[in-house]
Amino acid sequence: MASSKPARKKKAKKEFTNKKNRREASADAPSCEASLVHLDNVRQVQPEVIATEQAQHMAEFFSALSDPHRLKLLSALAQQELCVCDLAAAVKMGESAVSHQLRVLRSHRLVKYRKLGRNVCYSLADEHIMTIYRVVAEHLNET
């Protein structure tokens, strides 16, 4: 007895029978045509490759920079120290949202704060953060 369900078409799978086909399919990520490891290069580089734990810490650090709102806050603080209310006005965000993002930035040691009377003023944590910000901005402005 025939089934009343329509026959399903199987999705065609792309088969990569050789390296050339794989290379063409991923043209945005070119790779070597021949898999030949250059041991002298590997021996030279391998001792300088960061440990997995350090890579994890760095990934967490960079994750704090992955939010556009936090980057806007950093761009304002790259200009000068600002209190929370001025910072909120400068980046056109609510004070509560700014405070939340500053908490994330502070937990990654990207910003620091000081109390000034009734205000809390934030600035970049140190010159390293300013350098990271400027280098990334310059890199993105390259043509």
N, C-alpha and C. Protein backbone atom coordinates (compact mmCIF):
# COMPACT_ATOMS: atom_id res chain seq x y z
N MET A 1 0.84 -1.17 0.00
CA MET A 1 0.00 0.00 0.00
C MET A 1 0.89 1.24 0.00
N ALA A 2 0.55 2.19 -0.85
CA ALA A 2 1.36 3.39 -1.01
C ALA A 2 1.09 4.36 0.14
N SER A 3 2.13 5.06 0.51
CA SER A 3 2.02 6.04 1.58
C SER A 3 1.32 7.29 1.06
N SER A 4 0.51 7.94 1.92
CA SER A 4 -0.18 9.15 1.50
C SER A 4 0.70 10.39 1.67
N LYS A 5 1.84 10.25 2.33
CA LYS A 5 2.75 11.38 2.52
C LYS A 5 3.55 11.62 1.25
N PRO A 6 3.75 12.89 0.91
CA PRO A 6 4.58 13.15 -0.26
C PRO A 6 6.03 12.74 0.03
N ALA A 7 6.68 12.30 -1.00
CA ALA A 7 8.08 11.88 -0.85
C ALA A 7 8.95 13.09 -0.53
N ARG A 8 9.82 12.95 0.46
CA ARG A 8 10.72 14.04 0.82
C ARG A 8 11.94 14.00 -0.08
N LYS A 9 12.33 15.18 -0.48
CA LYS A 9 13.55 15.25 -1.28
C LYS A 9 14.72 15.30 -0.31
N LYS A 10 15.72 14.54 -0.61
CA LYS A 10 16.92 14.58 0.21
C LYS A 10 17.72 15.80 -0.17
N LYS A 11 18.21 16.48 0.86
CA LYS A 11 19.06 17.63 0.58
C LYS A 11 20.37 17.16 0.00
N ALA A 12 20.76 17.84 -1.04
CA ALA A 12 22.03 17.48 -1.66
C ALA A 12 23.16 17.99 -0.78
N LYS A 13 24.09 17.13 -0.51
CA LYS A 13 25.26 17.52 0.28
C LYS A 13 26.38 17.85 -0.68
N LYS A 14 27.08 18.95 -0.35
CA LYS A 14 28.24 19.28 -1.15
C LYS A 14 29.36 18.34 -0.75
N GLU A 15 29.93 17.73 -1.72
CA GLU A 15 31.04 16.84 -1.43
C GLU A 15 32.32 17.51 -1.88
N PHE A 16 33.29 17.46 -1.03
CA PHE A 16 34.59 18.04 -1.33
C PHE A 16 35.54 16.88 -1.56
N THR A 17 35.70 16.55 -2.83
CA THR A 17 36.51 15.38 -3.14
C THR A 17 38.00 15.69 -3.14
N ASN A 18 38.35 16.94 -3.33
CA ASN A 18 39.77 17.26 -3.29
C ASN A 18 39.96 18.64 -2.68
N LYS A 19 41.20 18.95 -2.42
CA LYS A 19 41.52 20.20 -1.74
C LYS A 19 41.13 21.42 -2.58
N LYS A 20 41.21 21.30 -3.90
CA LYS A 20 40.85 22.42 -4.77
C LYS A 20 39.39 22.79 -4.57
N ASN A 21 38.50 21.82 -4.51
CA ASN A 21 37.08 22.10 -4.29
C ASN A 21 36.85 22.75 -2.93
N ARG A 22 37.54 22.28 -1.90
CA ARG A 22 37.40 22.88 -0.58
C ARG A 22 37.87 24.33 -0.60
N ARG A 23 38.96 24.59 -1.29
CA ARG A 23 39.50 25.94 -1.38
C ARG A 23 38.51 26.86 -2.08
N GLU A 24 37.90 26.39 -3.16
CA GLU A 24 36.94 27.21 -3.89
C GLU A 24 35.70 27.48 -3.05
N ALA A 25 35.27 26.52 -2.26
CA ALA A 25 34.08 26.68 -1.43
C ALA A 25 34.32 27.65 -0.29
N SER A 26 35.55 27.79 0.13
CA SER A 26 35.86 28.71 1.23
C SER A 26 36.89 29.72 0.77
N ALA A 27 36.60 30.41 -0.30
CA ALA A 27 37.53 31.39 -0.87
C ALA A 27 37.83 32.52 0.10
N ASP A 28 36.95 32.74 1.06
CA ASP A 28 37.20 33.81 2.02
C ASP A 28 38.23 33.39 3.07
N ALA A 29 38.58 32.14 3.12
CA ALA A 29 39.58 31.64 4.07
C ALA A 29 40.56 30.75 3.32
N PRO A 30 41.45 31.36 2.53
CA PRO A 30 42.38 30.54 1.75
C PRO A 30 43.31 29.73 2.64
N SER A 31 43.74 28.60 2.14
CA SER A 31 44.68 27.76 2.88
C SER A 31 45.74 27.23 1.93
N CYS A 32 46.70 26.55 2.48
CA CYS A 32 47.80 26.00 1.69
C CYS A 32 47.27 25.00 0.67
N GLU A 33 47.90 24.99 -0.49
CA GLU A 33 47.51 24.00 -1.50
C GLU A 33 48.04 22.63 -1.14
N ALA A 34 49.21 22.60 -0.54
CA ALA A 34 49.81 21.33 -0.12
C ALA A 34 49.99 21.37 1.39
N SER A 35 49.62 20.30 2.05
CA SER A 35 49.76 20.23 3.49
C SER A 35 51.16 19.73 3.83
N LEU A 36 52.06 20.70 4.02
CA LEU A 36 53.46 20.38 4.32
C LEU A 36 53.87 21.24 5.50
N VAL A 37 54.09 20.63 6.64
CA VAL A 37 54.45 21.35 7.86
C VAL A 37 55.93 21.70 7.81
N HIS A 38 56.21 22.98 8.07
CA HIS A 38 57.59 23.47 8.12
C HIS A 38 58.03 23.45 9.58
N LEU A 39 58.70 22.39 9.98
CA LEU A 39 59.04 22.18 11.39
C LEU A 39 59.87 23.30 11.98
N ASP A 40 60.76 23.90 11.20
CA ASP A 40 61.57 24.99 11.73
C ASP A 40 60.68 26.17 12.14
N ASN A 41 59.65 26.47 11.35
CA ASN A 41 58.72 27.54 11.70
C ASN A 41 57.90 27.18 12.93
N VAL A 42 57.45 25.94 12.98
CA VAL A 42 56.64 25.48 14.12
C VAL A 42 57.45 25.56 15.40
N ARG A 43 58.69 25.09 15.36
CA ARG A 43 59.55 25.11 16.57
C ARG A 43 59.83 26.54 17.03
N GLN A 44 59.93 27.45 16.09
CA GLN A 44 60.20 28.84 16.44
C GLN A 44 58.98 29.51 17.08
N VAL A 45 57.80 29.22 16.57
CA VAL A 45 56.58 29.89 17.02
C VAL A 45 55.96 29.24 18.24
N GLN A 46 55.99 27.94 18.31
CA GLN A 46 55.26 27.19 19.33
C GLN A 46 55.54 27.65 20.77
N PRO A 47 56.78 27.92 21.16
CA PRO A 47 57.00 28.35 22.55
C PRO A 47 56.34 29.69 22.90
N GLU A 48 56.04 30.49 21.89
CA GLU A 48 55.45 31.81 22.13
C GLU A 48 53.92 31.81 22.06
N VAL A 49 53.32 30.69 21.67
CA VAL A 49 51.86 30.60 21.62
C VAL A 49 51.33 30.62 23.05
N ILE A 50 50.33 31.46 23.27
CA ILE A 50 49.83 31.61 24.64
C ILE A 50 49.13 30.34 25.11
N ALA A 51 49.17 30.14 26.41
CA ALA A 51 48.51 28.98 27.02
C ALA A 51 47.00 29.12 26.90
N THR A 52 46.31 28.02 26.93
CA THR A 52 44.85 28.02 26.80
C THR A 52 44.19 28.88 27.87
N GLU A 53 44.69 28.82 29.09
CA GLU A 53 44.11 29.62 30.18
C GLU A 53 44.25 31.11 29.90
N GLN A 54 45.43 31.52 29.42
CA GLN A 54 45.64 32.93 29.09
C GLN A 54 44.76 33.33 27.90
N ALA A 55 44.61 32.45 26.93
CA ALA A 55 43.74 32.72 25.78
C ALA A 55 42.30 32.92 26.25
N GLN A 56 41.88 32.12 27.22
CA GLN A 56 40.52 32.26 27.77
C GLN A 56 40.34 33.62 28.44
N HIS A 57 41.34 34.04 29.23
CA HIS A 57 41.27 35.35 29.88
C HIS A 57 41.20 36.47 28.85
N MET A 58 42.00 36.35 27.80
CA MET A 58 41.99 37.37 26.75
C MET A 58 40.65 37.39 26.03
N ALA A 59 40.08 36.22 25.77
CA ALA A 59 38.78 36.15 25.10
C ALA A 59 37.71 36.82 25.95
N GLU A 60 37.75 36.60 27.25
CA GLU A 60 36.79 37.24 28.15
C GLU A 60 36.98 38.75 28.14
N PHE A 61 38.24 39.20 28.13
CA PHE A 61 38.54 40.63 28.07
C PHE A 61 37.95 41.23 26.80
N PHE A 62 38.22 40.59 25.66
CA PHE A 62 37.72 41.12 24.39
C PHE A 62 36.20 41.02 24.29
N SER A 63 35.60 40.08 24.99
CA SER A 63 34.14 39.99 24.96
C SER A 63 33.51 41.24 25.56
N ALA A 64 34.20 41.85 26.52
CA ALA A 64 33.69 43.09 27.11
C ALA A 64 33.69 44.22 26.08
N LEU A 65 34.51 44.09 25.06
CA LEU A 65 34.58 45.11 24.02
C LEU A 65 33.65 44.80 22.85
N SER A 66 32.89 43.74 22.94
CA SER A 66 32.06 43.31 21.82
C SER A 66 30.68 43.96 21.78
N ASP A 67 30.40 44.85 22.69
CA ASP A 67 29.10 45.50 22.74
C ASP A 67 29.21 46.95 22.26
N PRO A 68 28.41 47.37 21.28
CA PRO A 68 28.50 48.73 20.76
C PRO A 68 28.26 49.81 21.82
N HIS A 69 27.38 49.55 22.78
CA HIS A 69 27.13 50.54 23.83
C HIS A 69 28.37 50.73 24.69
N ARG A 70 29.03 49.64 25.03
CA ARG A 70 30.25 49.76 25.84
C ARG A 70 31.35 50.48 25.06
N LEU A 71 31.42 50.24 23.76
CA LEU A 71 32.42 50.93 22.95
C LEU A 71 32.12 52.42 22.87
N LYS A 72 30.85 52.79 22.82
CA LYS A 72 30.50 54.21 22.84
C LYS A 72 30.93 54.85 24.16
N LEU A 73 30.73 54.13 25.24
CA LEU A 73 31.16 54.64 26.55
C LEU A 73 32.67 54.82 26.57
N LEU A 74 33.39 53.83 26.07
CA LEU A 74 34.85 53.94 26.04
C LEU A 74 35.30 55.09 25.16
N SER A 75 34.60 55.32 24.05
CA SER A 75 34.99 56.42 23.16
C SER A 75 34.81 57.77 23.85
N ALA A 76 33.76 57.90 24.64
CA ALA A 76 33.56 59.14 25.39
C ALA A 76 34.63 59.29 26.47
N LEU A 77 34.92 58.19 27.16
CA LEU A 77 35.93 58.24 28.23
C LEU A 77 37.34 58.38 27.69
N ALA A 78 37.54 58.06 26.42
CA ALA A 78 38.85 58.28 25.80
C ALA A 78 39.13 59.77 25.65
N GLN A 79 38.05 60.57 25.68
CA GLN A 79 38.20 62.03 25.57
C GLN A 79 38.53 62.65 26.93
N GLN A 80 37.79 62.22 27.95
CA GLN A 80 38.00 62.77 29.29
C GLN A 80 37.19 62.00 30.32
N GLU A 81 37.51 62.22 31.57
CA GLU A 81 36.75 61.66 32.69
C GLU A 81 35.37 62.30 32.70
N LEU A 82 34.34 61.50 32.95
CA LEU A 82 32.97 62.01 32.97
C LEU A 82 32.19 61.38 34.12
N CYS A 83 31.27 62.16 34.68
CA CYS A 83 30.37 61.58 35.68
C CYS A 83 29.29 60.79 34.94
N VAL A 84 28.61 59.93 35.66
CA VAL A 84 27.63 59.02 35.05
C VAL A 84 26.55 59.79 34.30
N CYS A 85 26.04 60.87 34.89
CA CYS A 85 24.95 61.60 34.22
C CYS A 85 25.44 62.28 32.94
N ASP A 86 26.67 62.83 32.95
CA ASP A 86 27.22 63.43 31.73
C ASP A 86 27.51 62.36 30.69
N LEU A 87 28.00 61.23 31.14
CA LEU A 87 28.30 60.12 30.23
C LEU A 87 27.01 59.63 29.56
N ALA A 88 25.94 59.49 30.34
CA ALA A 88 24.66 59.05 29.79
C ALA A 88 24.16 60.03 28.73
N ALA A 89 24.28 61.33 29.01
CA ALA A 89 23.85 62.34 28.04
C ALA A 89 24.73 62.31 26.79
N ALA A 90 26.03 62.12 26.97
CA ALA A 90 26.96 62.12 25.83
C ALA A 90 26.70 60.98 24.86
N VAL A 91 26.34 59.82 25.39
CA VAL A 91 26.13 58.65 24.52
C VAL A 91 24.64 58.38 24.25
N LYS A 92 23.79 59.28 24.75
CA LYS A 92 22.34 59.19 24.53
C LYS A 92 21.76 57.86 25.02
N MET A 93 22.08 57.55 26.27
CA MET A 93 21.55 56.35 26.92
C MET A 93 21.01 56.76 28.28
N GLY A 94 20.17 55.93 28.85
CA GLY A 94 19.68 56.18 30.19
C GLY A 94 20.77 55.90 31.22
N GLU A 95 20.68 56.58 32.35
CA GLU A 95 21.69 56.40 33.39
C GLU A 95 21.74 54.96 33.90
N SER A 96 20.60 54.31 34.00
CA SER A 96 20.56 52.92 34.46
C SER A 96 21.31 52.01 33.48
N ALA A 97 21.07 52.20 32.19
CA ALA A 97 21.75 51.38 31.18
C ALA A 97 23.25 51.66 31.18
N VAL A 98 23.61 52.92 31.35
CA VAL A 98 25.04 53.28 31.41
C VAL A 98 25.68 52.64 32.63
N SER A 99 25.01 52.71 33.76
CA SER A 99 25.55 52.10 34.98
C SER A 99 25.77 50.60 34.81
N HIS A 100 24.82 49.94 34.15
CA HIS A 100 24.96 48.50 33.90
C HIS A 100 26.19 48.22 33.04
N GLN A 101 26.35 48.97 31.96
CA GLN A 101 27.49 48.75 31.06
C GLN A 101 28.81 49.11 31.75
N LEU A 102 28.80 50.14 32.57
CA LEU A 102 30.01 50.51 33.31
C LEU A 102 30.41 49.41 34.29
N ARG A 103 29.43 48.75 34.86
CA ARG A 103 29.71 47.63 35.78
C ARG A 103 30.47 46.53 35.03
N VAL A 104 30.03 46.23 33.81
CA VAL A 104 30.72 45.22 33.00
C VAL A 104 32.13 45.68 32.68
N LEU A 105 32.27 46.92 32.26
CA LEU A 105 33.60 47.45 31.92
C LEU A 105 34.51 47.45 33.15
N ARG A 106 33.95 47.80 34.29
CA ARG A 106 34.74 47.83 35.52
C ARG A 106 35.17 46.42 35.93
N SER A 107 34.30 45.44 35.74
CA SER A 107 34.64 44.06 36.11
C SER A 107 35.78 43.51 35.25
N HIS A 108 35.97 44.08 34.08
CA HIS A 108 37.07 43.67 33.20
C HIS A 108 38.25 44.64 33.31
N ARG A 109 38.20 45.52 34.28
CA ARG A 109 39.26 46.51 34.56
C ARG A 109 39.54 47.42 33.37
N LEU A 110 38.49 47.77 32.64
CA LEU A 110 38.63 48.69 31.52
C LEU A 110 38.41 50.14 31.95
N VAL A 111 37.62 50.32 32.99
CA VAL A 111 37.36 51.66 33.52
C VAL A 111 37.56 51.64 35.03
N LYS A 112 37.75 52.83 35.56
CA LYS A 112 37.83 53.00 37.01
C LYS A 112 36.94 54.18 37.37
N TYR A 113 36.63 54.32 38.65
CA TYR A 113 35.78 55.43 39.06
C TYR A 113 36.31 56.04 40.34
N ARG A 114 35.83 57.25 40.57
CA ARG A 114 36.10 57.93 41.84
C ARG A 114 34.89 58.76 42.18
N LYS A 115 34.64 58.88 43.47
CA LYS A 115 33.52 59.69 43.93
C LYS A 115 34.00 61.13 44.06
N LEU A 116 33.19 62.01 43.54
CA LEU A 116 33.51 63.44 43.59
C LEU A 116 32.26 64.14 44.12
N GLY A 117 32.22 64.29 45.44
CA GLY A 117 31.01 64.84 46.07
C GLY A 117 29.86 63.88 45.89
N ARG A 118 28.80 64.35 45.24
CA ARG A 118 27.62 63.52 45.01
C ARG A 118 27.68 62.80 43.67
N ASN A 119 28.72 63.03 42.92
CA ASN A 119 28.86 62.41 41.60
C ASN A 119 29.87 61.27 41.62
N VAL A 120 29.70 60.37 40.68
CA VAL A 120 30.67 59.29 40.46
C VAL A 120 31.23 59.51 39.07
N CYS A 121 32.55 59.71 39.01
CA CYS A 121 33.21 59.99 37.74
C CYS A 121 34.00 58.78 37.27
N TYR A 122 33.90 58.50 35.99
CA TYR A 122 34.58 57.36 35.38
C TYR A 122 35.65 57.84 34.42
N SER A 123 36.69 57.02 34.31
CA SER A 123 37.75 57.25 33.33
C SER A 123 38.27 55.90 32.89
N LEU A 124 39.07 55.91 31.82
CA LEU A 124 39.68 54.66 31.39
C LEU A 124 40.63 54.19 32.47
N ALA A 125 40.75 52.90 32.64
CA ALA A 125 41.51 52.33 33.75
C ALA A 125 42.99 52.73 33.72
N ASP A 126 43.58 52.72 32.54
CA ASP A 126 44.99 53.10 32.43
C ASP A 126 45.34 53.37 30.97
N GLU A 127 46.58 53.69 30.74
CA GLU A 127 47.04 54.03 29.39
C GLU A 127 46.92 52.85 28.42
N HIS A 128 46.99 51.62 28.94
CA HIS A 128 46.84 50.45 28.06
C HIS A 128 45.48 50.45 27.37
N ILE A 129 44.45 50.80 28.10
CA ILE A 129 43.10 50.81 27.54
C ILE A 129 42.99 51.88 26.47
N MET A 130 43.59 53.05 26.74
CA MET A 130 43.61 54.12 25.74
C MET A 130 44.34 53.65 24.48
N THR A 131 45.45 52.96 24.66
CA THR A 131 46.22 52.46 23.53
C THR A 131 45.42 51.45 22.72
N ILE A 132 44.77 50.51 23.41
CA ILE A 132 43.94 49.51 22.71
C ILE A 132 42.85 50.22 21.91
N TYR A 133 42.18 51.17 22.53
CA TYR A 133 41.10 51.90 21.86
C TYR A 133 41.63 52.61 20.62
N ARG A 134 42.72 53.33 20.76
CA ARG A 134 43.27 54.09 19.62
C ARG A 134 43.77 53.18 18.50
N VAL A 135 44.44 52.10 18.86
CA VAL A 135 44.97 51.19 17.84
C VAL A 135 43.83 50.56 17.04
N VAL A 136 42.78 50.13 17.72
CA VAL A 136 41.64 49.54 17.02
C VAL A 136 40.97 50.58 16.13
N ALA A 137 40.78 51.80 16.64
CA ALA A 137 40.16 52.86 15.84
C ALA A 137 41.00 53.16 14.60
N GLU A 138 42.32 53.25 14.76
CA GLU A 138 43.21 53.49 13.62
C GLU A 138 43.13 52.33 12.62
N HIS A 139 43.13 51.12 13.12
CA HIS A 139 43.06 49.94 12.25
C HIS A 139 41.78 49.96 11.41
N LEU A 140 40.67 50.30 12.03
CA LEU A 140 39.40 50.31 11.32
C LEU A 140 39.29 51.47 10.34
N ASN A 141 40.07 52.53 10.56
CA ASN A 141 40.05 53.68 9.65
C ASN A 141 41.00 53.52 8.47
N GLU A 142 41.81 52.47 8.48
CA GLU A 142 42.71 52.24 7.35
C GLU A 142 41.90 51.89 6.11
N THR A 143 42.41 52.33 4.98
CA THR A 143 41.70 52.01 3.73
C THR A 143 42.42 50.95 2.94
